[in-house]
């Protein structure tokens, strides 16, 4: 089941953005409700901007026509959307002529356009919710296998986030969608969206973030290296990114901590709120003498996000940072994911420059 959202400029004074969202139906409904909520907030806080998110979904905007289902969707859905938001759980979807599913076909189309024009911003969320029963039929097992294959592919380029269950999806995607809107608006640094939080002092780590940091340290210390441990640590990092808005004032404390978990929390804050002045600190996380491979890998994903989010005047600094980080990462060639992610950050920088050309 798939759907779309969108935002586009209707005239010289208004900005309506297209958010193309594909995936699980119930989560699609949550995206629709969330965009309406964001529209209300933006209209209240900045009515002079006249900014609005509009949801576009094939269920609502595609009419019956002659041809293959995917060809009909491709013809009728506008392709000039600004944000591609994908969602998957247990099923990949119905195969098309050239892809395992329509969802993956649409992701590939969005990727091609992004490489050519710098648009759209791409985000993909995978559900970690346990099913009520394991897949038993060959078809269901095949669907799950395609999801895992696609998830691994996107993890290598830093475009994946996860959510623990359906109930938490809306809150998990809220921050990513707001950041994407900020990035669309002339690549305004996302850090400008922060609001003072008088309940957290400049030195205090919020309890939930401290708990997640301790969980990371515990998992790293008690579990054997392997896929299960990496999956647990990745889920913890995703939760840290969600907690970032209430922990930004504790960034300096987290950066200087002796706890790898708290330093990982600092990396998560910079994933959610990229800052030009913190690029060098992120770069040093790739030093194998300073951080574990997992922290270094997540720092590389935060550098890639900084490339997507920060304004063009920071590009030279980012280019130098990527070069330095690559030198550090190659000191441990037996751990290629960090190197792969930095190569993706380089590609992101080229895409960004291509998209900014007249």
C-alpha atoms as a PDB file:
ATOM      1  CA  UNK A   1       0.000   0.000   0.000  1.00  0.00           C
ATOM      2  CA  UNK A   2       1.440   3.340  -1.024  1.00  0.00           C
ATOM      3  CA  UNK A   3       0.689   7.063  -0.951  1.00  0.00           C
ATOM      4  CA  UNK A   4       2.130  10.531  -1.586  1.00  0.00           C
ATOM      5  CA  UNK A   5       2.350  14.054  -0.127  1.00  0.00           C
ATOM      6  CA  UNK A   6       3.366  17.415  -1.687  1.00  0.00           C
ATOM      7  CA  UNK A   7       4.349  21.143  -1.329  1.00  0.00           C
ATOM      8  CA  UNK A   8       4.712  23.651  -4.218  1.00  0.00           C
ATOM      9  CA  UNK A   9       4.801  27.407  -4.869  1.00  0.00           C
ATOM     10  CA  UNK A  10       1.445  28.493  -6.268  1.00  0.00           C
ATOM     11  CA  UNK A  11       2.393  32.137  -6.767  1.00  0.00           C
ATOM     12  CA  UNK A  12       5.038  34.685  -5.841  1.00  0.00           C
ATOM     13  CA  UNK A  13       3.856  34.996  -2.250  1.00  0.00           C
ATOM     14  CA  UNK A  14       2.965  31.458  -1.201  1.00  0.00           C
ATOM     15  CA  UNK A  15       5.042  28.311  -0.814  1.00  0.00           C
ATOM     16  CA  UNK A  16       3.279  24.964  -0.902  1.00  0.00           C
ATOM     17  CA  UNK A  17       5.653  22.000  -0.768  1.00  0.00           C
ATOM     18  CA  UNK A  18       5.071  18.533  -2.223  1.00  0.00           C
ATOM     19  CA  UNK A  19       5.932  15.696   0.182  1.00  0.00           C
ATOM     20  CA  UNK A  20       5.822  12.370  -1.669  1.00  0.00           C
ATOM     21  CA  UNK A  21       5.241   9.665   0.957  1.00  0.00           C
ATOM     22  CA  UNK A  22       5.098   5.974   0.057  1.00  0.00           C
ATOM     23  CA  UNK A  23       4.453   3.002   2.310  1.00  0.00           C
ATOM     24  CA  UNK A  24       2.262   1.520   5.030  1.00  0.00           C
ATOM     25  CA  UNK A  25      -1.342   2.775   4.911  1.00  0.00           C
ATOM     26  CA  UNK A  26      -1.854   3.476   8.625  1.00  0.00           C
ATOM     27  CA  UNK A  27       1.394   5.441   8.785  1.00  0.00           C
ATOM     28  CA  UNK A  28       0.291   7.319   5.668  1.00  0.00           C
ATOM     29  CA  UNK A  29      -2.741   8.536   7.597  1.00  0.00           C
ATOM     30  CA  UNK A  30      -0.423   9.694  10.383  1.00  0.00           C
ATOM     31  CA  UNK A  31       1.614  11.688   7.827  1.00  0.00           C
ATOM     32  CA  UNK A  32      -1.567  13.355   6.579  1.00  0.00           C
ATOM     33  CA  UNK A  33      -2.599  14.332  10.125  1.00  0.00           C
ATOM     34  CA  UNK A  34       0.921  15.526  10.943  1.00  0.00           C
ATOM     35  CA  UNK A  35       1.136  17.790   7.886  1.00  0.00           C
ATOM     36  CA  UNK A  36      -2.174  19.387   8.831  1.00  0.00           C
ATOM     37  CA  UNK A  37      -0.822  20.029  12.318  1.00  0.00           C
ATOM     38  CA  UNK A  38       2.404  21.518  10.923  1.00  0.00           C
ATOM     39  CA  UNK A  39       0.391  23.751   8.600  1.00  0.00           C
ATOM     40  CA  UNK A  40      -1.604  25.099  11.540  1.00  0.00           C
ATOM     41  CA  UNK A  41       1.549  25.826  13.542  1.00  0.00           C
ATOM     42  CA  UNK A  42       3.304  27.562  10.625  1.00  0.00           C
ATOM     43  CA  UNK A  43       0.203  29.629   9.855  1.00  0.00           C
ATOM     44  CA  UNK A  44       0.002  30.743  13.498  1.00  0.00           C
ATOM     45  CA  UNK A  45       3.718  31.489  14.014  1.00  0.00           C
ATOM     46  CA  UNK A  46       4.625  32.902  10.575  1.00  0.00           C
ATOM     47  CA  UNK A  47       1.487  33.861   8.646  1.00  0.00           C
ATOM     48  CA  UNK A  48       3.497  36.276   6.489  1.00  0.00           C
ATOM     49  CA  UNK A  49       5.398  33.349   4.919  1.00  0.00           C
ATOM     50  CA  UNK A  50       2.222  31.667   3.637  1.00  0.00           C
ATOM     51  CA  UNK A  51       3.863  28.240   3.749  1.00  0.00           C
ATOM     52  CA  UNK A  52       1.766  25.107   3.463  1.00  0.00           C
ATOM     53  CA  UNK A  53       2.285  21.353   3.134  1.00  0.00           C
ATOM     54  CA  UNK A  54      -0.101  19.577   0.783  1.00  0.00           C
ATOM     55  CA  UNK A  55      -0.594  15.819   0.849  1.00  0.00           C
ATOM     56  CA  UNK A  56      -0.713  14.015  -2.483  1.00  0.00           C
ATOM     57  CA  UNK A  57      -1.570  10.285  -2.484  1.00  0.00           C
ATOM     58  CA  UNK A  58      -2.369   7.917  -5.285  1.00  0.00           C
ATOM     59  CA  UNK A  59      -5.448   6.751  -3.356  1.00  0.00           C
ATOM     60  CA  UNK A  60      -6.898  10.259  -3.648  1.00  0.00           C
ATOM     61  CA  UNK A  61      -5.281  11.718  -6.753  1.00  0.00           C
ATOM     62  CA  UNK A  62      -5.003   8.916  -9.320  1.00  0.00           C
ATOM     63  CA  UNK A  63      -8.048   8.054 -11.431  1.00  0.00           C
ATOM     64  CA  UNK A  64      -8.615   4.760 -13.314  1.00  0.00           C
ATOM     65  CA  UNK A  65      -6.949   4.638 -16.726  1.00  0.00           C
ATOM     66  CA  UNK A  66      -5.673   2.175 -19.310  1.00  0.00           C
ATOM     67  CA  UNK A  67      -2.232   0.673 -18.713  1.00  0.00           C
ATOM     68  CA  UNK A  68      -0.104  -0.957 -16.051  1.00  0.00           C
ATOM     69  CA  UNK A  69      -0.908   0.301 -12.535  1.00  0.00           C
ATOM     70  CA  UNK A  70       2.564   1.742 -11.966  1.00  0.00           C
ATOM     71  CA  UNK A  71       2.585   3.460 -15.364  1.00  0.00           C
ATOM     72  CA  UNK A  72      -0.733   5.102 -14.479  1.00  0.00           C
ATOM     73  CA  UNK A  73       0.653   6.341 -11.149  1.00  0.00           C
ATOM     74  CA  UNK A  74       3.794   7.675 -12.870  1.00  0.00           C
ATOM     75  CA  UNK A  75       1.710   9.581 -15.430  1.00  0.00           C
ATOM     76  CA  UNK A  76      -0.748  11.131 -13.031  1.00  0.00           C
ATOM     77  CA  UNK A  77       1.314  11.961  -9.936  1.00  0.00           C
ATOM     78  CA  UNK A  78       3.329  15.200 -10.284  1.00  0.00           C
ATOM     79  CA  UNK A  79       7.054  14.538 -10.215  1.00  0.00           C
ATOM     80  CA  UNK A  80       8.161  17.968  -8.965  1.00  0.00           C
ATOM     81  CA  UNK A  81       7.750  17.117  -5.279  1.00  0.00           C
ATOM     82  CA  UNK A  82      10.242  18.433  -2.727  1.00  0.00           C
ATOM     83  CA  UNK A  83      10.284  15.650  -0.137  1.00  0.00           C
ATOM     84  CA  UNK A  84      10.121  11.881  -0.621  1.00  0.00           C
ATOM     85  CA  UNK A  85       9.051  10.076   2.551  1.00  0.00           C
ATOM     86  CA  UNK A  86       9.009   6.279   2.393  1.00  0.00           C
ATOM     87  CA  UNK A  87       7.712   3.783   4.957  1.00  0.00           C
ATOM     88  CA  UNK A  88       8.074  -0.021   5.138  1.00  0.00           C
ATOM     89  CA  UNK A  89       7.314  -2.791   7.612  1.00  0.00           C
ATOM     90  CA  UNK A  90       6.805  -6.463   6.729  1.00  0.00           C
ATOM     91  CA  UNK A  91       5.883  -6.127   3.069  1.00  0.00           C
ATOM     92  CA  UNK A  92       7.809  -4.633   0.183  1.00  0.00           C
ATOM     93  CA  UNK A  93       4.797  -4.251  -2.112  1.00  0.00           C
ATOM     94  CA  UNK A  94       3.561  -5.314  -5.538  1.00  0.00           C
ATOM     95  CA  UNK A  95       6.343  -5.904  -8.096  1.00  0.00           C
ATOM     96  CA  UNK A  96       6.548  -3.638 -11.134  1.00  0.00           C
ATOM     97  CA  UNK A  97       8.153  -4.229 -14.514  1.00  0.00           C
ATOM     98  CA  UNK A  98      11.540  -2.939 -13.300  1.00  0.00           C
ATOM     99  CA  UNK A  99      11.543  -3.058  -9.472  1.00  0.00           C
ATOM    100  CA  UNK A 100      10.619  -5.398  -6.603  1.00  0.00           C
ATOM    101  CA  UNK A 101       7.723  -3.075  -5.737  1.00  0.00           C
ATOM    102  CA  UNK A 102       6.069   0.208  -6.612  1.00  0.00           C
ATOM    103  CA  UNK A 103       7.532   1.744  -3.446  1.00  0.00           C
ATOM    104  CA  UNK A 104      11.071   0.871  -4.530  1.00  0.00           C
ATOM    105  CA  UNK A 105      10.327   1.981  -8.111  1.00  0.00           C
ATOM    106  CA  UNK A 106       9.220   5.381  -6.837  1.00  0.00           C
ATOM    107  CA  UNK A 107      12.301   5.621  -4.603  1.00  0.00           C
ATOM    108  CA  UNK A 108      14.529   4.909  -7.605  1.00  0.00           C
ATOM    109  CA  UNK A 109      12.730   7.574  -9.644  1.00  0.00           C
ATOM    110  CA  UNK A 110      13.158  10.109  -6.843  1.00  0.00           C
ATOM    111  CA  UNK A 111      16.846   9.231  -6.522  1.00  0.00           C
ATOM    112  CA  UNK A 112      17.451   9.761 -10.247  1.00  0.00           C
ATOM    113  CA  UNK A 113      15.782  13.173 -10.149  1.00  0.00           C
ATOM    114  CA  UNK A 114      17.715  14.122  -7.024  1.00  0.00           C
ATOM    115  CA  UNK A 115      21.030  13.230  -8.661  1.00  0.00           C
ATOM    116  CA  UNK A 116      20.119  15.407 -11.641  1.00  0.00           C
ATOM    117  CA  UNK A 117      18.538  18.392  -9.858  1.00  0.00           C
ATOM    118  CA  UNK A 118      19.300  18.223  -6.119  1.00  0.00           C
ATOM    119  CA  UNK A 119      15.637  17.526  -5.333  1.00  0.00           C
ATOM    120  CA  UNK A 120      13.823  15.929  -3.579  1.00  0.00           C
ATOM    121  CA  UNK A 121      15.009  15.422  -0.027  1.00  0.00           C
ATOM    122  CA  UNK A 122      14.697  11.693   0.663  1.00  0.00           C
ATOM    123  CA  UNK A 123      13.824  10.026   3.988  1.00  0.00           C
ATOM    124  CA  UNK A 124      12.909   6.406   4.585  1.00  0.00           C
ATOM    125  CA  UNK A 125      11.457   4.932   7.784  1.00  0.00           C
ATOM    126  CA  UNK A 126      11.368   1.222   8.633  1.00  0.00           C
ATOM    127  CA  UNK A 127       9.142  -0.226  11.349  1.00  0.00           C
ATOM    128  CA  UNK A 128      10.768  -2.397  14.030  1.00  0.00           C
ATOM    129  CA  UNK A 129       7.399  -3.474  15.446  1.00  0.00           C
ATOM    130  CA  UNK A 130       7.219  -7.224  16.021  1.00  0.00           C
ATOM    131  CA  UNK A 131       4.455  -8.939  14.021  1.00  0.00           C
ATOM    132  CA  UNK A 132       1.689 -10.831  15.794  1.00  0.00           C
ATOM    133  CA  UNK A 133       2.885 -13.954  13.953  1.00  0.00           C
ATOM    134  CA  UNK A 134       5.885 -14.761  11.793  1.00  0.00           C
ATOM    135  CA  UNK A 135       5.423 -14.975   8.012  1.00  0.00           C
ATOM    136  CA  UNK A 136       4.665 -18.565   6.999  1.00  0.00           C
ATOM    137  CA  UNK A 137       3.813 -18.545   3.304  1.00  0.00           C
ATOM    138  CA  UNK A 138       6.508 -18.354   0.608  1.00  0.00           C
ATOM    139  CA  UNK A 139       4.978 -15.073  -0.591  1.00  0.00           C
ATOM    140  CA  UNK A 140       5.112 -13.461   2.877  1.00  0.00           C
ATOM    141  CA  UNK A 141       8.658 -14.704   3.490  1.00  0.00           C
ATOM    142  CA  UNK A 142       9.715 -13.346   0.101  1.00  0.00           C
ATOM    143  CA  UNK A 143       8.167  -9.967   0.898  1.00  0.00           C
ATOM    144  CA  UNK A 144      10.066  -9.718   4.184  1.00  0.00           C
ATOM    145  CA  UNK A 145      13.305 -10.751   2.468  1.00  0.00           C
ATOM    146  CA  UNK A 146      12.887  -7.918  -0.070  1.00  0.00           C
ATOM    147  CA  UNK A 147      12.269  -5.428   2.759  1.00  0.00           C
ATOM    148  CA  UNK A 148      15.456  -6.480   4.545  1.00  0.00           C
ATOM    149  CA  UNK A 149      17.462  -6.329   1.321  1.00  0.00           C
ATOM    150  CA  UNK A 150      16.190  -2.823   0.564  1.00  0.00           C
ATOM    151  CA  UNK A 151      16.740  -1.705   4.165  1.00  0.00           C
ATOM    152  CA  UNK A 152      20.376  -2.828   4.036  1.00  0.00           C
ATOM    153  CA  UNK A 153      20.838  -0.950   0.746  1.00  0.00           C
ATOM    154  CA  UNK A 154      19.501   2.318   2.179  1.00  0.00           C
ATOM    155  CA  UNK A 155      21.434   1.929   5.439  1.00  0.00           C
ATOM    156  CA  UNK A 156      24.661   2.094   3.439  1.00  0.00           C
ATOM    157  CA  UNK A 157      23.796   5.585   2.194  1.00  0.00           C
ATOM    158  CA  UNK A 158      22.384   6.965   5.427  1.00  0.00           C
ATOM    159  CA  UNK A 159      18.788   7.392   4.317  1.00  0.00           C
ATOM    160  CA  UNK A 160      17.121   5.121   6.863  1.00  0.00           C
ATOM    161  CA  UNK A 161      15.500   5.733  10.209  1.00  0.00           C
ATOM    162  CA  UNK A 162      13.449   3.286  12.240  1.00  0.00           C
ATOM    163  CA  UNK A 163      10.480   3.540  14.561  1.00  0.00           C
ATOM    164  CA  UNK A 164       9.704   0.992  17.280  1.00  0.00           C
ATOM    165  CA  UNK A 165       5.956   0.680  16.706  1.00  0.00           C
ATOM    166  CA  UNK A 166       2.979   2.268  14.991  1.00  0.00           C
ATOM    167  CA  UNK A 167       2.022   4.308  18.053  1.00  0.00           C
ATOM    168  CA  UNK A 168       5.378   6.117  18.023  1.00  0.00           C
ATOM    169  CA  UNK A 169       5.606   6.727  14.273  1.00  0.00           C
ATOM    170  CA  UNK A 170       4.023  10.166  14.248  1.00  0.00           C
ATOM    171  CA  UNK A 171       6.364  11.598  16.870  1.00  0.00           C
ATOM    172  CA  UNK A 172       9.384   9.916  15.279  1.00  0.00           C
ATOM    173  CA  UNK A 173       8.726  11.360  11.833  1.00  0.00           C
ATOM    174  CA  UNK A 174       7.764  14.840  13.077  1.00  0.00           C
ATOM    175  CA  UNK A 175      11.342  16.019  13.589  1.00  0.00           C
ATOM    176  CA  UNK A 176      12.518  14.638  10.265  1.00  0.00           C
ATOM    177  CA  UNK A 177       9.691  16.279   8.364  1.00  0.00           C
ATOM    178  CA  UNK A 178      10.261  19.646  10.047  1.00  0.00           C
ATOM    179  CA  UNK A 179      13.969  19.433   9.266  1.00  0.00           C
ATOM    180  CA  UNK A 180      13.175  18.591   5.647  1.00  0.00           C
ATOM    181  CA  UNK A 181      10.897  21.629   5.338  1.00  0.00           C
ATOM    182  CA  UNK A 182      13.651  23.811   6.802  1.00  0.00           C
ATOM    183  CA  UNK A 183      16.133  22.351   4.308  1.00  0.00           C
ATOM    184  CA  UNK A 184      13.798  23.073   1.416  1.00  0.00           C
ATOM    185  CA  UNK A 185      13.470  26.689   2.509  1.00  0.00           C
ATOM    186  CA  UNK A 186      16.761  27.911   1.035  1.00  0.00           C
ATOM    187  CA  UNK A 187      18.748  25.377   3.069  1.00  0.00           C
ATOM    188  CA  UNK A 188      18.293  27.388   6.246  1.00  0.00           C
ATOM    189  CA  UNK A 189      20.430  25.799   9.003  1.00  0.00           C
ATOM    190  CA  UNK A 190      18.124  23.610  11.022  1.00  0.00           C
ATOM    191  CA  UNK A 191      19.650  24.814  14.276  1.00  0.00           C
ATOM    192  CA  UNK A 192      17.665  28.028  13.832  1.00  0.00           C
ATOM    193  CA  UNK A 193      14.508  26.074  14.554  1.00  0.00           C
ATOM    194  CA  UNK A 194      15.596  25.467  18.148  1.00  0.00           C
ATOM    195  CA  UNK A 195      13.616  27.087  20.938  1.00  0.00           C
ATOM    196  CA  UNK A 196      14.886  27.743  24.473  1.00  0.00           C
ATOM    197  CA  UNK A 197      14.006  24.985  26.909  1.00  0.00           C
ATOM    198  CA  UNK A 198      13.989  26.478  30.370  1.00  0.00           C
ATOM    199  CA  UNK A 199      13.436  23.092  31.993  1.00  0.00           C
ATOM    200  CA  UNK A 200      16.936  21.888  31.076  1.00  0.00           C
ATOM    201  CA  UNK A 201      20.058  23.672  32.294  1.00  0.00           C
ATOM    202  CA  UNK A 202      23.096  24.154  30.065  1.00  0.00           C
ATOM    203  CA  UNK A 203      24.912  21.310  31.831  1.00  0.00           C
ATOM    204  CA  UNK A 204      22.124  18.870  32.615  1.00  0.00           C
ATOM    205  CA  UNK A 205      21.505  15.843  30.425  1.00  0.00           C
ATOM    206  CA  UNK A 206      17.763  15.121  30.243  1.00  0.00           C
ATOM    207  CA  UNK A 207      16.858  11.854  32.008  1.00  0.00           C
ATOM    208  CA  UNK A 208      15.598  10.084  28.903  1.00  0.00           C
ATOM    209  CA  UNK A 209      18.770  10.893  26.938  1.00  0.00           C
ATOM    210  CA  UNK A 210      20.925   9.801  29.878  1.00  0.00           C
ATOM    211  CA  UNK A 211      18.963   6.542  30.021  1.00  0.00           C
ATOM    212  CA  UNK A 212      19.524   5.911  26.309  1.00  0.00           C
ATOM    213  CA  UNK A 213      23.241   6.648  26.649  1.00  0.00           C
ATOM    214  CA  UNK A 214      23.508   4.151  29.500  1.00  0.00           C
ATOM    215  CA  UNK A 215      21.585   1.601  27.440  1.00  0.00           C
ATOM    216  CA  UNK A 216      24.104   1.967  24.636  1.00  0.00           C
ATOM    217  CA  UNK A 217      27.026   1.490  27.026  1.00  0.00           C
ATOM    218  CA  UNK A 218      25.347  -1.575  28.540  1.00  0.00           C
ATOM    219  CA  UNK A 219      24.601  -3.168  25.155  1.00  0.00           C
ATOM    220  CA  UNK A 220      28.131  -2.534  23.948  1.00  0.00           C
ATOM    221  CA  UNK A 221      29.648  -3.995  27.121  1.00  0.00           C
ATOM    222  CA  UNK A 222      27.415  -7.042  27.547  1.00  0.00           C
ATOM    223  CA  UNK A 223      26.489  -8.259  24.056  1.00  0.00           C
ATOM    224  CA  UNK A 224      28.777 -10.054  21.671  1.00  0.00           C
ATOM    225  CA  UNK A 225      29.643  -8.245  18.449  1.00  0.00           C
ATOM    226  CA  UNK A 226      27.285  -9.139  15.641  1.00  0.00           C
ATOM    227  CA  UNK A 227      24.125  -8.226  13.783  1.00  0.00           C
ATOM    228  CA  UNK A 228      21.866  -8.384  16.849  1.00  0.00           C
ATOM    229  CA  UNK A 229      24.056  -6.009  18.851  1.00  0.00           C
ATOM    230  CA  UNK A 230      24.326  -3.587  15.920  1.00  0.00           C
ATOM    231  CA  UNK A 231      20.545  -3.650  15.513  1.00  0.00           C
ATOM    232  CA  UNK A 232      20.050  -2.839  19.196  1.00  0.00           C
ATOM    233  CA  UNK A 233      22.554   0.020  19.079  1.00  0.00           C
ATOM    234  CA  UNK A 234      20.985   1.403  15.889  1.00  0.00           C
ATOM    235  CA  UNK A 235      17.565   1.442  17.561  1.00  0.00           C
ATOM    236  CA  UNK A 236      19.040   3.290  20.543  1.00  0.00           C
ATOM    237  CA  UNK A 237      20.601   5.869  18.222  1.00  0.00           C
ATOM    238  CA  UNK A 238      17.250   6.393  16.504  1.00  0.00           C
ATOM    239  CA  UNK A 239      15.642   7.079  19.876  1.00  0.00           C
ATOM    240  CA  UNK A 240      18.439   9.529  20.679  1.00  0.00           C
ATOM    241  CA  UNK A 241      17.703  11.475  17.491  1.00  0.00           C
ATOM    242  CA  UNK A 242      14.059  11.702  18.570  1.00  0.00           C
ATOM    243  CA  UNK A 243      15.105  13.063  21.971  1.00  0.00           C
ATOM    244  CA  UNK A 244      17.483  15.609  20.435  1.00  0.00           C
ATOM    245  CA  UNK A 245      15.144  18.664  20.644  1.00  0.00           C
ATOM    246  CA  UNK A 246      15.070  18.560  24.460  1.00  0.00           C
ATOM    247  CA  UNK A 247      18.777  17.772  24.812  1.00  0.00           C
ATOM    248  CA  UNK A 248      20.436  20.403  22.626  1.00  0.00           C
ATOM    249  CA  UNK A 249      21.500  22.572  25.579  1.00  0.00           C
ATOM    250  CA  UNK A 250      23.418  19.615  27.003  1.00  0.00           C
ATOM    251  CA  UNK A 251      25.489  19.212  23.814  1.00  0.00           C
ATOM    252  CA  UNK A 252      28.780  20.421  25.304  1.00  0.00           C
ATOM    253  CA  UNK A 253      28.381  18.157  28.327  1.00  0.00           C
ATOM    254  CA  UNK A 254      27.672  15.166  26.107  1.00  0.00           C
ATOM    255  CA  UNK A 255      30.580  15.904  23.765  1.00  0.00           C
ATOM    256  CA  UNK A 256      33.062  16.022  26.649  1.00  0.00           C
ATOM    257  CA  UNK A 257      31.733  12.925  28.423  1.00  0.00           C
ATOM    258  CA  UNK A 258      33.888   9.846  29.060  1.00  0.00           C
ATOM    259  CA  UNK A 259      30.827   7.737  28.233  1.00  0.00           C
ATOM    260  CA  UNK A 260      30.700   6.510  24.623  1.00  0.00           C
ATOM    261  CA  UNK A 261      26.918   6.469  24.961  1.00  0.00           C
ATOM    262  CA  UNK A 262      26.785  10.154  25.887  1.00  0.00           C
ATOM    263  CA  UNK A 263      29.134  11.062  23.041  1.00  0.00           C
ATOM    264  CA  UNK A 264      26.840   9.082  20.748  1.00  0.00           C
ATOM    265  CA  UNK A 265      23.979  11.212  22.074  1.00  0.00           C
ATOM    266  CA  UNK A 266      25.923  14.318  21.016  1.00  0.00           C
ATOM    267  CA  UNK A 267      26.290  12.802  17.536  1.00  0.00           C
ATOM    268  CA  UNK A 268      22.519  12.198  17.494  1.00  0.00           C
ATOM    269  CA  UNK A 269      21.811  15.843  18.382  1.00  0.00           C
ATOM    270  CA  UNK A 270      24.020  16.925  15.480  1.00  0.00           C
ATOM    271  CA  UNK A 271      22.198  14.482  13.205  1.00  0.00           C
ATOM    272  CA  UNK A 272      18.911  16.195  14.090  1.00  0.00           C
ATOM    273  CA  UNK A 273      20.320  19.744  14.237  1.00  0.00           C
ATOM    274  CA  UNK A 274      23.444  20.092  12.046  1.00  0.00           C
ATOM    275  CA  UNK A 275      25.815  22.889  13.083  1.00  0.00           C
ATOM    276  CA  UNK A 276      28.732  24.197  11.048  1.00  0.00           C
ATOM    277  CA  UNK A 277      30.829  24.846  14.141  1.00  0.00           C
ATOM    278  CA  UNK A 278      30.609  21.183  15.173  1.00  0.00           C
ATOM    279  CA  UNK A 279      31.783  19.645  11.887  1.00  0.00           C
ATOM    280  CA  UNK A 280      35.384  19.291  13.094  1.00  0.00           C
ATOM    281  CA  UNK A 281      34.244  17.518  16.260  1.00  0.00           C
ATOM    282  CA  UNK A 282      32.179  15.083  14.207  1.00  0.00           C
ATOM    283  CA  UNK A 283      35.156  14.505  11.925  1.00  0.00           C
ATOM    284  CA  UNK A 284      37.338  13.433  14.844  1.00  0.00           C
ATOM    285  CA  UNK A 285      34.776  10.751  15.765  1.00  0.00           C
ATOM    286  CA  UNK A 286      36.101   8.840  12.736  1.00  0.00           C
ATOM    287  CA  UNK A 287      39.472   8.452  14.457  1.00  0.00           C
ATOM    288  CA  UNK A 288      39.703   4.773  15.519  1.00  0.00           C
ATOM    289  CA  UNK A 289      41.942   5.806  18.429  1.00  0.00           C
ATOM    290  CA  UNK A 290      39.141   8.018  19.768  1.00  0.00           C
ATOM    291  CA  UNK A 291      35.828   6.260  19.055  1.00  0.00           C
ATOM    292  CA  UNK A 292      34.377   2.842  18.351  1.00  0.00           C
ATOM    293  CA  UNK A 293      33.402   2.001  14.744  1.00  0.00           C
ATOM    294  CA  UNK A 294      29.686   2.379  15.550  1.00  0.00           C
ATOM    295  CA  UNK A 295      30.059   5.923  16.924  1.00  0.00           C
ATOM    296  CA  UNK A 296      32.296   6.765  13.961  1.00  0.00           C
ATOM    297  CA  UNK A 297      29.740   5.426  11.510  1.00  0.00           C
ATOM    298  CA  UNK A 298      26.919   7.474  13.041  1.00  0.00           C
ATOM    299  CA  UNK A 299      29.184  10.540  12.991  1.00  0.00           C
ATOM    300  CA  UNK A 300      29.625   9.940   9.255  1.00  0.00           C
ATOM    301  CA  UNK A 301      25.835   9.853   8.828  1.00  0.00           C
ATOM    302  CA  UNK A 302      25.651  13.171  10.702  1.00  0.00           C
ATOM    303  CA  UNK A 303      28.250  14.667   8.374  1.00  0.00           C
ATOM    304  CA  UNK A 304      26.158  13.518   5.411  1.00  0.00           C
ATOM    305  CA  UNK A 305      23.092  15.152   6.986  1.00  0.00           C
ATOM    306  CA  UNK A 306      25.076  18.361   7.495  1.00  0.00           C
ATOM    307  CA  UNK A 307      25.827  18.365   3.767  1.00  0.00           C
ATOM    308  CA  UNK A 308      22.090  18.119   3.048  1.00  0.00           C
ATOM    309  CA  UNK A 309      21.022  20.721   5.614  1.00  0.00           C
ATOM    310  CA  UNK A 310      23.670  23.432   5.984  1.00  0.00           C
ATOM    311  CA  UNK A 311      23.842  26.409   3.582  1.00  0.00           C
ATOM    312  CA  UNK A 312      26.165  26.528   0.580  1.00  0.00           C
ATOM    313  CA  UNK A 313      28.690  28.806   2.295  1.00  0.00           C
ATOM    314  CA  UNK A 314      29.667  25.864   4.509  1.00  0.00           C
ATOM    315  CA  UNK A 315      30.382  23.537   1.562  1.00  0.00           C
ATOM    316  CA  UNK A 316      34.146  24.167   1.492  1.00  0.00           C
ATOM    317  CA  UNK A 317      34.402  23.400   5.203  1.00  0.00           C
ATOM    318  CA  UNK A 318      32.361  20.247   4.666  1.00  0.00           C
ATOM    319  CA  UNK A 319      34.543  19.154   1.763  1.00  0.00           C
ATOM    320  CA  UNK A 320      37.678  19.475   3.889  1.00  0.00           C
ATOM    321  CA  UNK A 321      35.968  17.656   6.755  1.00  0.00           C
ATOM    322  CA  UNK A 322      34.992  14.747   4.529  1.00  0.00           C
ATOM    323  CA  UNK A 323      38.562  14.483   3.231  1.00  0.00           C
ATOM    324  CA  UNK A 324      39.938  14.465   6.785  1.00  0.00           C
ATOM    325  CA  UNK A 325      37.324  11.981   7.972  1.00  0.00           C
ATOM    326  CA  UNK A 326      38.130   9.667   5.068  1.00  0.00           C
ATOM    327  CA  UNK A 327      41.817   9.625   6.031  1.00  0.00           C
ATOM    328  CA  UNK A 328      40.847   8.694   9.595  1.00  0.00           C
ATOM    329  CA  UNK A 329      38.328   6.058   8.508  1.00  0.00           C
ATOM    330  CA  UNK A 330      40.850   4.343   6.224  1.00  0.00           C
ATOM    331  CA  UNK A 331      43.076   3.716   9.215  1.00  0.00           C
ATOM    332  CA  UNK A 332      40.643   0.882   9.958  1.00  0.00           C
ATOM    333  CA  UNK A 333      39.995  -0.631   6.496  1.00  0.00           C
ATOM    334  CA  UNK A 334      38.423  -3.720   8.042  1.00  0.00           C
ATOM    335  CA  UNK A 335      35.338  -1.616   8.867  1.00  0.00           C
ATOM    336  CA  UNK A 336      34.077  -0.425   5.433  1.00  0.00           C
ATOM    337  CA  UNK A 337      30.639   1.004   6.415  1.00  0.00           C
ATOM    338  CA  UNK A 338      32.195   4.269   7.635  1.00  0.00           C
ATOM    339  CA  UNK A 339      34.142   4.654   4.401  1.00  0.00           C
ATOM    340  CA  UNK A 340      31.017   3.900   2.363  1.00  0.00           C
ATOM    341  CA  UNK A 341      29.051   6.522   4.294  1.00  0.00           C
ATOM    342  CA  UNK A 342      31.720   9.178   3.743  1.00  0.00           C
ATOM    343  CA  UNK A 343      31.723   8.372   0.020  1.00  0.00           C
ATOM    344  CA  UNK A 344      27.968   8.953   0.139  1.00  0.00           C
ATOM    345  CA  UNK A 345      28.563  12.309   1.874  1.00  0.00           C
ATOM    346  CA  UNK A 346      30.845  13.273  -1.019  1.00  0.00           C
ATOM    347  CA  UNK A 347      28.127  12.331  -3.494  1.00  0.00           C
ATOM    348  CA  UNK A 348      25.624  14.375  -1.480  1.00  0.00           C
ATOM    349  CA  UNK A 349      27.915  17.390  -1.776  1.00  0.00           C
ATOM    350  CA  UNK A 350      28.102  16.991  -5.557  1.00  0.00           C
ATOM    351  CA  UNK A 351      24.321  16.590  -5.768  1.00  0.00           C
ATOM    352  CA  UNK A 352      23.862  19.698  -3.642  1.00  0.00           C
ATOM    353  CA  UNK A 353      26.182  21.757  -5.860  1.00  0.00           C
ATOM    354  CA  UNK A 354      24.476  20.472  -8.998  1.00  0.00           C
ATOM    355  CA  UNK A 355      21.084  21.407  -7.580  1.00  0.00           C
ATOM    356  CA  UNK A 356      22.224  24.958  -6.760  1.00  0.00           C
ATOM    357  CA  UNK A 357      23.386  25.682 -10.293  1.00  0.00           C
ATOM    358  CA  UNK A 358      21.058  27.924 -12.339  1.00  0.00           C
END
